[in-house]
Amino acid sequence: RKLVAASPAIGDLCMRFNETLLVQARITAAC
């Protein structure tokens, strides 16, 4: 949490991969 608060790059990395997981979950549900 301290790293994310100090680094926009790490925070952005987390948000982007969270979206990737959501997409993967939607595709898996349909599959």
All heavy atoms as atom14 arrays in JSON, in Angstrom:
{
  "sequence": "RKLVAASPAIGDLCMRFNETLLVQARITAAC",
  "atom14_mask": [
    [1, 1, 1, 1, 1, 1, 1, 1, 1, 1, 1, 0, 0, 0],
    [1, 1, 1, 1, 1, 1, 1, 1, 1, 0, 0, 0, 0, 0],
    [1, 1, 1, 1, 1, 1, 1, 1, 0, 0, 0, 0, 0, 0],
    [1, 1, 1, 1, 1, 1, 1, 0, 0, 0, 0, 0, 0, 0],
    [1, 1, 1, 1, 1, 0, 0, 0, 0, 0, 0, 0, 0, 0],
    [1, 1, 1, 1, 1, 0, 0, 0, 0, 0, 0, 0, 0, 0],
    [1, 1, 1, 1, 1, 1, 0, 0, 0, 0, 0, 0, 0, 0],
    [1, 1, 1, 1, 1, 1, 1, 0, 0, 0, 0, 0, 0, 0],
    [1, 1, 1, 1, 1, 0, 0, 0, 0, 0, 0, 0, 0, 0],
    [1, 1, 1, 1, 1, 1, 1, 1, 0, 0, 0, 0, 0, 0],
    [1, 1, 1, 1, 0, 0, 0, 0, 0, 0, 0, 0, 0, 0],
    [1, 1, 1, 1, 1, 1, 1, 1, 0, 0, 0, 0, 0, 0],
    [1, 1, 1, 1, 1, 1, 1, 1, 0, 0, 0, 0, 0, 0],
    [1, 1, 1, 1, 1, 1, 0, 0, 0, 0, 0, 0, 0, 0],
    [1, 1, 1, 1, 1, 1, 1, 1, 0, 0, 0, 0, 0, 0],
    [1, 1, 1, 1, 1, 1, 1, 1, 1, 1, 1, 0, 0, 0],
    [1, 1, 1, 1, 1, 1, 1, 1, 1, 1, 1, 0, 0, 0],
    [1, 1, 1, 1, 1, 1, 1, 1, 0, 0, 0, 0, 0, 0],
    [1, 1, 1, 1, 1, 1, 1, 1, 1, 0, 0, 0, 0, 0],
    [1, 1, 1, 1, 1, 1, 1, 0, 0, 0, 0, 0, 0, 0],
    [1, 1, 1, 1, 1, 1, 1, 1, 0, 0, 0, 0, 0, 0],
    [1, 1, 1, 1, 1, 1, 1, 1, 0, 0, 0, 0, 0, 0],
    [1, 1, 1, 1, 1, 1, 1, 0, 0, 0, 0, 0, 0, 0],
    [1, 1, 1, 1, 1, 1, 1, 1, 1, 0, 0, 0, 0, 0],
    [1, 1, 1, 1, 1, 0, 0, 0, 0, 0, 0, 0, 0, 0],
    [1, 1, 1, 1, 1, 1, 1, 1, 1, 1, 1, 0, 0, 0],
    [1, 1, 1, 1, 1, 1, 1, 1, 0, 0, 0, 0, 0, 0],
    [1, 1, 1, 1, 1, 1, 1, 0, 0, 0, 0, 0, 0, 0],
    [1, 1, 1, 1, 1, 0, 0, 0, 0, 0, 0, 0, 0, 0],
    [1, 1, 1, 1, 1, 0, 0, 0, 0, 0, 0, 0, 0, 0],
    [1, 1, 1, 1, 1, 1, 0, 0, 0, 0, 0, 0, 0, 0]
  ],
  "atom14_positions": [
    [[0.83, -1.21, 0.0], [0.0, 0.0, 0.0], [0.86, 1.26, 0.0], [0.55, 2.25, -0.68], [-0.94, -0.01, 1.21], [-2.15, -0.9, 1.01], [-3.2, -0.7, 2.07], [-2.89, -1.39, 3.31], [-3.16, -2.67, 3.53], [-3.76, -3.42, 2.61], [-2.88, -3.24, 4.68], [0.0, 0.0, 0.0], [0.0, 0.0, 0.0], [0.0, 0.0, 0.0]],
    [[1.95, 1.21, 0.74], [2.86, 2.36, 0.76], [3.52, 2.56, -0.61], [3.72, 3.69, -1.07], [3.92, 2.17, 1.84], [3.34, 2.19, 3.26], [4.44, 1.96, 4.3], [3.86, 1.97, 5.71], [4.89, 1.72, 6.75], [0.0, 0.0, 0.0], [0.0, 0.0, 0.0], [0.0, 0.0, 0.0], [0.0, 0.0, 0.0], [0.0, 0.0, 0.0]],
    [[3.86, 1.44, -1.25], [4.47, 1.53, -2.58], [3.51, 2.12, -3.59], [3.88, 2.97, -4.41], [4.91, 0.14, -3.03], [6.12, -0.47, -2.31], [6.21, -1.96, -2.59], [7.4, 0.24, -2.75], [0.0, 0.0, 0.0], [0.0, 0.0, 0.0], [0.0, 0.0, 0.0], [0.0, 0.0, 0.0], [0.0, 0.0, 0.0], [0.0, 0.0, 0.0]],
    [[2.26, 1.68, -3.55], [1.25, 2.21, -4.48], [1.01, 3.7, -4.23], [0.88, 4.48, -5.18], [-0.07, 1.41, -4.35], [-1.2, 2.09, -5.11], [0.12, -0.01, -4.85], [0.0, 0.0, 0.0], [0.0, 0.0, 0.0], [0.0, 0.0, 0.0], [0.0, 0.0, 0.0], [0.0, 0.0, 0.0], [0.0, 0.0, 0.0], [0.0, 0.0, 0.0]],
    [[0.97, 4.1, -2.96], [0.75, 5.51, -2.64], [1.88, 6.39, -3.16], [1.66, 7.55, -3.52], [0.61, 5.67, -1.13], [0.0, 0.0, 0.0], [0.0, 0.0, 0.0], [0.0, 0.0, 0.0], [0.0, 0.0, 0.0], [0.0, 0.0, 0.0], [0.0, 0.0, 0.0], [0.0, 0.0, 0.0], [0.0, 0.0, 0.0], [0.0, 0.0, 0.0]],
    [[3.09, 5.82, -3.24], [4.25, 6.61, -3.65], [4.54, 6.5, -5.14], [5.33, 7.3, -5.68], [5.48, 6.17, -2.86], [0.0, 0.0, 0.0], [0.0, 0.0, 0.0], [0.0, 0.0, 0.0], [0.0, 0.0, 0.0], [0.0, 0.0, 0.0], [0.0, 0.0, 0.0], [0.0, 0.0, 0.0], [0.0, 0.0, 0.0], [0.0, 0.0, 0.0]],
    [[3.92, 5.54, -5.82], [4.27, 5.28, -7.22], [3.04, 5.17, -8.12], [2.34, 4.14, -8.07], [5.09, 3.99, -7.32], [5.21, 3.58, -8.67], [0.0, 0.0, 0.0], [0.0, 0.0, 0.0], [0.0, 0.0, 0.0], [0.0, 0.0, 0.0], [0.0, 0.0, 0.0], [0.0, 0.0, 0.0], [0.0, 0.0, 0.0], [0.0, 0.0, 0.0]],
    [[2.79, 6.16, -8.95], [1.68, 6.05, -9.92], [1.85, 4.86, -10.86], [0.86, 4.24, -11.26], [1.77, 7.37, -10.69], [2.44, 8.33, -9.75], [3.42, 7.5, -8.99], [0.0, 0.0, 0.0], [0.0, 0.0, 0.0], [0.0, 0.0, 0.0], [0.0, 0.0, 0.0], [0.0, 0.0, 0.0], [0.0, 0.0, 0.0], [0.0, 0.0, 0.0]],
    [[3.09, 4.51, -11.18], [3.34, 3.39, -12.09], [2.88, 2.06, -11.49], [2.27, 1.24, -12.18], [4.82, 3.31, -12.45], [0.0, 0.0, 0.0], [0.0, 0.0, 0.0], [0.0, 0.0, 0.0], [0.0, 0.0, 0.0], [0.0, 0.0, 0.0], [0.0, 0.0, 0.0], [0.0, 0.0, 0.0], [0.0, 0.0, 0.0], [0.0, 0.0, 0.0]],
    [[3.15, 1.84, -10.2], [2.73, 0.6, -9.56], [1.21, 0.57, -9.41], [0.57, -0.46, -9.64], [3.41, 0.43, -8.19], [4.93, 0.31, -8.38], [2.87, -0.81, -7.47], [5.71, 0.2, -7.08], [0.0, 0.0, 0.0], [0.0, 0.0, 0.0], [0.0, 0.0, 0.0], [0.0, 0.0, 0.0], [0.0, 0.0, 0.0], [0.0, 0.0, 0.0]],
    [[0.62, 1.71, -9.07], [-0.83, 1.78, -8.96], [-1.52, 1.51, -10.29], [-2.51, 0.77, -10.36], [0.0, 0.0, 0.0], [0.0, 0.0, 0.0], [0.0, 0.0, 0.0], [0.0, 0.0, 0.0], [0.0, 0.0, 0.0], [0.0, 0.0, 0.0], [0.0, 0.0, 0.0], [0.0, 0.0, 0.0], [0.0, 0.0, 0.0], [0.0, 0.0, 0.0]],
    [[-0.98, 2.06, -11.36], [-1.56, 1.84, -12.69], [-1.44, 0.38, -13.1], [-2.35, -0.2, -13.69], [-0.84, 2.73, -13.7], [-1.38, 2.55, -15.11], [-2.56, 2.87, -15.34], [-0.61, 2.08, -15.98], [0.0, 0.0, 0.0], [0.0, 0.0, 0.0], [0.0, 0.0, 0.0], [0.0, 0.0, 0.0], [0.0, 0.0, 0.0], [0.0, 0.0, 0.0]],
    [[-0.32, -0.22, -12.77], [-0.1, -1.64, -13.05], [-1.19, -2.49, -12.39], [-1.74, -3.41, -13.01], [1.29, -2.01, -12.54], [1.77, -3.45, -12.45], [3.29, -3.46, -12.55], [1.37, -4.09, -11.12], [0.0, 0.0, 0.0], [0.0, 0.0, 0.0], [0.0, 0.0, 0.0], [0.0, 0.0, 0.0], [0.0, 0.0, 0.0], [0.0, 0.0, 0.0]],
    [[-1.52, -2.18, -11.14], [-2.54, -2.93, -10.4], [-3.91, -2.79, -11.06], [-4.64, -3.78, -11.23], [-2.62, -2.45, -8.96], [-1.14, -2.76, -7.98], [0.0, 0.0, 0.0], [0.0, 0.0, 0.0], [0.0, 0.0, 0.0], [0.0, 0.0, 0.0], [0.0, 0.0, 0.0], [0.0, 0.0, 0.0], [0.0, 0.0, 0.0], [0.0, 0.0, 0.0]],
    [[-4.27, -1.58, -11.42], [-5.57, -1.33, -12.02], [-5.7, -2.02, -13.38], [-6.74, -2.6, -13.7], [-5.81, 0.17, -12.17], [-5.91, 0.92, -10.86], [-7.27, 0.32, -9.82], [-8.69, 0.78, -10.83], [0.0, 0.0, 0.0], [0.0, 0.0, 0.0], [0.0, 0.0, 0.0], [0.0, 0.0, 0.0], [0.0, 0.0, 0.0], [0.0, 0.0, 0.0]],
    [[-4.64, -1.96, -14.18], [-4.71, -2.58, -15.5], [-4.86, -4.09, -15.4], [-5.63, -4.69, -16.14], [-3.45, -2.22, -16.3], [-3.43, -0.8, -16.83], [-2.29, -0.58, -17.79], [-0.99, -0.53, -17.1], [-0.06, -1.47, -17.21], [-0.26, -2.54, -17.96], [1.1, -1.35, -16.56], [0.0, 0.0, 0.0], [0.0, 0.0, 0.0], [0.0, 0.0, 0.0]],
    [[-4.13, -4.71, -14.48], [-4.24, -6.17, -14.4], [-5.55, -6.59, -13.76], [-6.09, -7.65, -14.09], [-3.06, -6.79, -13.65], [-3.06, -8.29, -13.79], [-2.72, -8.87, -15.01], [-3.42, -9.12, -12.75], [-2.75, -10.25, -15.18], [-3.45, -10.5, -12.9], [-3.11, -11.07, -14.13], [0.0, 0.0, 0.0], [0.0, 0.0, 0.0], [0.0, 0.0, 0.0]],
    [[-6.1, -5.78, -12.87], [-7.41, -6.1, -12.31], [-8.46, -6.14, -13.41], [-9.33, -7.01, -13.42], [-7.8, -5.07, -11.25], [-9.04, -5.48, -10.48], [-9.08, -6.53, -9.85], [-10.08, -4.66, -10.54], [0.0, 0.0, 0.0], [0.0, 0.0, 0.0], [0.0, 0.0, 0.0], [0.0, 0.0, 0.0], [0.0, 0.0, 0.0], [0.0, 0.0, 0.0]],
    [[-8.37, -5.21, -14.36], [-9.29, -5.22, -15.49], [-9.09, -6.47, -16.34], [-10.05, -7.07, -16.84], [-9.09, -3.96, -16.34], [-10.02, -3.86, -17.54], [-11.49, -3.8, -17.16], [-11.81, -3.35, -16.04], [-12.32, -4.21, -18.0], [0.0, 0.0, 0.0], [0.0, 0.0, 0.0], [0.0, 0.0, 0.0], [0.0, 0.0, 0.0], [0.0, 0.0, 0.0]],
    [[-7.84, -6.88, -16.5], [-7.54, -8.11, -17.25], [-8.21, -9.32, -16.59], [-8.78, -10.18, -17.27], [-6.02, -8.34, -17.32], [-5.42, -7.27, -18.05], [-5.69, -9.66, -18.01], [0.0, 0.0, 0.0], [0.0, 0.0, 0.0], [0.0, 0.0, 0.0], [0.0, 0.0, 0.0], [0.0, 0.0, 0.0], [0.0, 0.0, 0.0], [0.0, 0.0, 0.0]],
    [[-8.16, -9.39, -15.26], [-8.79, -10.5, -14.55], [-10.3, -10.48, -14.71], [-10.94, -11.53, -14.86], [-8.44, -10.45, -13.06], [-7.03, -10.87, -12.66], [-6.85, -10.75, -11.15], [-6.73, -12.3, -13.11], [0.0, 0.0, 0.0], [0.0, 0.0, 0.0], [0.0, 0.0, 0.0], [0.0, 0.0, 0.0], [0.0, 0.0, 0.0], [0.0, 0.0, 0.0]],
    [[-10.9, -9.3, -14.69], [-12.35, -9.18, -14.88], [-12.75, -9.68, -16.26], [-13.75, -10.4, -16.41], [-12.79, -7.74, -14.67], [-12.73, -7.21, -13.24], [-13.07, -5.72, -13.21], [-13.68, -7.98, -12.34], [0.0, 0.0, 0.0], [0.0, 0.0, 0.0], [0.0, 0.0, 0.0], [0.0, 0.0, 0.0], [0.0, 0.0, 0.0], [0.0, 0.0, 0.0]],
    [[-11.99, -9.3, -17.26], [-12.28, -9.76, -18.62], [-12.14, -11.28, -18.71], [-12.98, -11.97, -19.29], [-11.34, -9.07, -19.64], [-11.48, -9.72, -21.02], [-11.65, -7.59, -19.73], [0.0, 0.0, 0.0], [0.0, 0.0, 0.0], [0.0, 0.0, 0.0], [0.0, 0.0, 0.0], [0.0, 0.0, 0.0], [0.0, 0.0, 0.0], [0.0, 0.0, 0.0]],
    [[-11.08, -11.81, -18.1], [-10.85, -13.26, -18.12], [-12.0, -14.0, -17.44], [-12.46, -15.05, -17.93], [-9.53, -13.59, -17.43], [-9.11, -15.04, -17.61], [-7.81, -15.38, -16.9], [-7.56, -16.55, -16.58], [-6.96, -14.41, -16.66], [0.0, 0.0, 0.0], [0.0, 0.0, 0.0], [0.0, 0.0, 0.0], [0.0, 0.0, 0.0], [0.0, 0.0, 0.0]],
    [[-12.49, -13.45, -16.33], [-13.59, -14.09, -15.61], [-14.87, -14.08, -16.44], [-15.62, -15.07, -16.46], [-13.83, -13.37, -14.28], [0.0, 0.0, 0.0], [0.0, 0.0, 0.0], [0.0, 0.0, 0.0], [0.0, 0.0, 0.0], [0.0, 0.0, 0.0], [0.0, 0.0, 0.0], [0.0, 0.0, 0.0], [0.0, 0.0, 0.0], [0.0, 0.0, 0.0]],
    [[-15.12, -13.0, -17.17], [-16.32, -12.93, -18.02], [-16.25, -13.95, -19.14], [-17.23, -14.64, -19.44], [-16.47, -11.52, -18.59], [-16.78, -10.46, -17.53], [-16.87, -9.08, -18.17], [-16.96, -8.04, -17.15], [-16.13, -7.0, -17.06], [-15.15, -6.86, -17.95], [-16.28, -6.1, -16.12], [0.0, 0.0, 0.0], [0.0, 0.0, 0.0], [0.0, 0.0, 0.0]],
    [[-15.09, -14.05, -19.77], [-14.92, -15.0, -20.87], [-15.06, -16.43, -20.35], [-15.71, -17.29, -20.97], [-13.57, -14.81, -21.56], [-13.5, -13.43, -22.22], [-13.33, -15.9, -22.6], [-12.12, -13.07, -22.73], [0.0, 0.0, 0.0], [0.0, 0.0, 0.0], [0.0, 0.0, 0.0], [0.0, 0.0, 0.0], [0.0, 0.0, 0.0], [0.0, 0.0, 0.0]],
    [[-14.46, -16.71, -19.18], [-14.54, -18.05, -18.61], [-15.97, -18.42, -18.27], [-16.41, -19.57, -18.5], [-13.66, -18.15, -17.34], [-12.31, -17.86, -17.68], [-13.74, -19.53, -16.72], [0.0, 0.0, 0.0], [0.0, 0.0, 0.0], [0.0, 0.0, 0.0], [0.0, 0.0, 0.0], [0.0, 0.0, 0.0], [0.0, 0.0, 0.0], [0.0, 0.0, 0.0]],
    [[-16.75, -17.46, -17.73], [-18.15, -17.73, -17.41], [-18.94, -18.09, -18.66], [-19.72, -19.05, -18.66], [-18.76, -16.51, -16.73], [0.0, 0.0, 0.0], [0.0, 0.0, 0.0], [0.0, 0.0, 0.0], [0.0, 0.0, 0.0], [0.0, 0.0, 0.0], [0.0, 0.0, 0.0], [0.0, 0.0, 0.0], [0.0, 0.0, 0.0], [0.0, 0.0, 0.0]],
    [[-18.72, -17.34, -19.74], [-19.4, -17.64, -20.99], [-18.96, -18.99, -21.55], [-19.78, -19.78, -22.04], [-19.13, -16.53, -22.01], [0.0, 0.0, 0.0], [0.0, 0.0, 0.0], [0.0, 0.0, 0.0], [0.0, 0.0, 0.0], [0.0, 0.0, 0.0], [0.0, 0.0, 0.0], [0.0, 0.0, 0.0], [0.0, 0.0, 0.0], [0.0, 0.0, 0.0]],
    [[-17.68, -19.27, -21.46], [-17.13, -20.54, -21.95], [-17.74, -21.73, -21.2], [-18.16, -22.72, -21.81], [-15.62, -20.53, -21.81], [-14.8, -22.0, -22.49], [0.0, 0.0, 0.0], [0.0, 0.0, 0.0], [0.0, 0.0, 0.0], [0.0, 0.0, 0.0], [0.0, 0.0, 0.0], [0.0, 0.0, 0.0], [0.0, 0.0, 0.0], [0.0, 0.0, 0.0]]
  ]
}
